Amino acid sequence: MKKLSLIMLIACGVSVVAVSASARDYQDNSRAAYGFLGWGGRLDSEINHLNRMRGHVRWELGHYRAHEPIRREFARISREIDHVNSEFRQRDYDQRHLRREIERIHAELHDIEARLHVRSWDYYRWQ
């Protein structure tokens, strides 16, 4: 009986170690994937997201009947997005600067969504 208990204890210990190692591998893999999709990803995909968000917020302006001051602010932000696109196409750009601009513009577009009182399911998903 003692041998059986010892064998079961060893088997449980080995399985716990195996599960723990497997979980660690999963966490490492998911963290790497998240880093690739987040700001560690390619700049062109972030610019693509920004352009899609502009289109989505443009739709929200009409759907939620935005007032003129919000529309003027959106027009200003839209010009800034055009400038970011232009800088990126020149191929001679500072990545950190463009990433900061993208993050700032994204926050401003989200602010417009908040001021329009957009329903939570209509927010642009930035992922």
Protein backbone atom coordinates (compact mmCIF):
# COMPACT_ATOMS: atom_id res chain seq x y z
CA MET A 1 0.00 0.00 0.00
CA LYS A 2 2.87 2.36 0.78
CA LYS A 3 4.43 1.66 -2.63
CA LEU A 4 1.14 2.44 -4.37
CA SER A 5 0.81 5.70 -2.42
CA LEU A 6 4.38 6.64 -3.27
CA ILE A 7 3.84 5.90 -6.97
CA MET A 8 0.62 7.96 -7.00
CA LEU A 9 2.38 10.84 -5.24
CA ILE A 10 5.23 10.79 -7.78
CA ALA A 11 2.75 10.59 -10.68
CA CYS A 12 0.81 13.59 -9.34
CA GLY A 13 4.03 15.55 -8.83
CA VAL A 14 5.20 14.85 -12.39
CA SER A 15 1.82 15.79 -13.85
CA VAL A 16 1.75 19.08 -11.91
CA VAL A 17 5.22 19.95 -13.23
CA ALA A 18 4.16 19.07 -16.78
CA VAL A 19 0.99 21.17 -16.58
CA SER A 20 2.90 24.08 -15.10
CA ALA A 21 5.53 23.94 -17.87
CA SER A 22 2.79 23.74 -20.49
CA ALA A 23 1.05 26.81 -19.00
CA ARG A 24 4.32 28.73 -19.03
CA ASP A 25 4.85 27.90 -22.72
CA TYR A 26 1.31 29.03 -23.48
CA GLN A 27 1.84 32.34 -21.67
CA ASP A 28 5.12 32.96 -23.50
CA ASN A 29 3.52 32.22 -26.88
CA SER A 30 0.45 34.36 -26.24
CA ARG A 31 2.60 37.26 -25.02
CA ALA A 32 4.71 37.10 -28.17
CA ALA A 33 1.61 37.03 -30.35
CA TYR A 34 0.11 39.99 -28.50
CA GLY A 35 3.33 41.97 -28.87
CA PHE A 36 3.32 41.34 -32.60
CA LEU A 37 -0.28 42.48 -32.97
CA GLY A 38 0.06 45.48 -30.67
CA TRP A 39 2.47 48.38 -30.95
CA GLY A 40 5.28 45.93 -31.67
CA GLY A 41 3.60 45.17 -34.99
CA ARG A 42 4.10 46.80 -38.33
CA LEU A 43 3.52 50.51 -38.69
CA ASP A 44 1.52 50.10 -41.90
CA SER A 45 -1.09 48.00 -40.06
CA GLU A 46 -1.45 50.71 -37.41
CA ILE A 47 -1.95 53.34 -40.10
CA ASN A 48 -4.48 51.07 -41.77
CA HIS A 49 -6.35 50.83 -38.44
CA LEU A 50 -6.30 54.62 -38.13
CA ASN A 51 -7.75 55.04 -41.63
CA ARG A 52 -10.50 52.51 -40.90
CA MET A 53 -11.29 54.24 -37.62
CA ARG A 54 -11.62 57.56 -39.46
CA GLY A 55 -14.18 55.97 -41.78
CA HIS A 56 -16.04 54.48 -38.84
CA VAL A 57 -16.16 57.77 -36.94
CA ARG A 58 -17.30 59.52 -40.15
CA TRP A 59 -20.23 57.08 -40.25
CA GLU A 60 -20.96 57.79 -36.58
CA LEU A 61 -21.04 61.56 -37.26
CA GLY A 62 -23.94 61.04 -39.64
CA HIS A 63 -25.67 58.30 -37.68
CA TYR A 64 -25.57 60.19 -34.36
CA ARG A 65 -26.22 63.60 -35.96
CA ALA A 66 -23.11 65.46 -34.81
CA HIS A 67 -23.18 69.22 -34.27
CA GLU A 68 -20.99 71.56 -36.31
CA PRO A 69 -18.14 72.00 -33.76
CA ILE A 70 -17.63 68.23 -33.62
CA ARG A 71 -17.70 68.05 -37.42
CA ARG A 72 -15.05 70.79 -37.65
CA GLU A 73 -12.87 68.94 -35.16
CA PHE A 74 -13.28 65.74 -37.17
CA ALA A 75 -12.24 67.62 -40.33
CA ARG A 76 -9.08 68.85 -38.55
CA ILE A 77 -8.27 65.33 -37.34
CA SER A 78 -8.91 63.97 -40.81
CA ARG A 79 -6.34 66.39 -42.24
CA GLU A 80 -3.85 65.21 -39.61
CA ILE A 81 -4.49 61.60 -40.69
CA ASP A 82 -3.82 62.62 -44.29
CA HIS A 83 -0.53 64.16 -43.13
CA VAL A 84 0.45 60.94 -41.29
CA ASN A 85 -0.37 58.93 -44.43
CA SER A 86 1.75 61.29 -46.51
CA GLU A 87 4.70 61.06 -44.12
CA PHE A 88 4.49 57.26 -44.12
CA ARG A 89 4.43 57.06 -47.93
CA GLN A 90 7.64 59.11 -48.17
CA ARG A 91 9.56 56.19 -46.61
CA ASP A 92 11.83 58.65 -44.79
CA TYR A 93 10.03 58.87 -41.46
CA ASP A 94 10.65 58.59 -37.75
CA GLN A 95 8.76 55.51 -36.52
CA ARG A 96 8.49 56.71 -32.94
CA HIS A 97 7.09 60.05 -34.04
CA LEU A 98 4.50 58.42 -36.30
CA ARG A 99 3.48 55.93 -33.62
CA ARG A 100 2.98 58.80 -31.13
CA GLU A 101 0.92 60.69 -33.72
CA ILE A 102 -1.20 57.59 -34.41
CA GLU A 103 -1.80 57.09 -30.68
CA ARG A 104 -2.71 60.76 -30.17
CA ILE A 105 -5.07 60.84 -33.16
CA HIS A 106 -6.66 57.57 -32.08
CA ALA A 107 -7.38 59.12 -28.67
CA GLU A 108 -8.90 62.20 -30.32
CA LEU A 109 -11.16 60.07 -32.52
CA HIS A 110 -12.23 58.09 -29.48
CA ASP A 111 -12.96 61.37 -27.69
CA ILE A 112 -15.28 62.33 -30.55
CA GLU A 113 -17.05 58.99 -30.15
CA ALA A 114 -17.48 59.66 -26.44
CA ARG A 115 -18.84 63.17 -27.03
CA LEU A 116 -21.33 61.79 -29.55
CA HIS A 117 -22.55 59.40 -26.85
CA VAL A 118 -21.97 56.47 -29.17
CA ARG A 119 -23.42 53.21 -27.90
CA SER A 120 -20.74 50.87 -26.60
CA TRP A 121 -21.27 48.33 -29.39
CA ASP A 122 -20.71 51.05 -32.02
CA TYR A 123 -17.25 52.03 -30.73
CA TYR A 124 -14.42 51.24 -33.12
CA ARG A 125 -12.49 48.24 -31.80
CA TRP A 126 -8.77 49.07 -31.89
CA GLN A 127 -7.11 45.65 -32.00
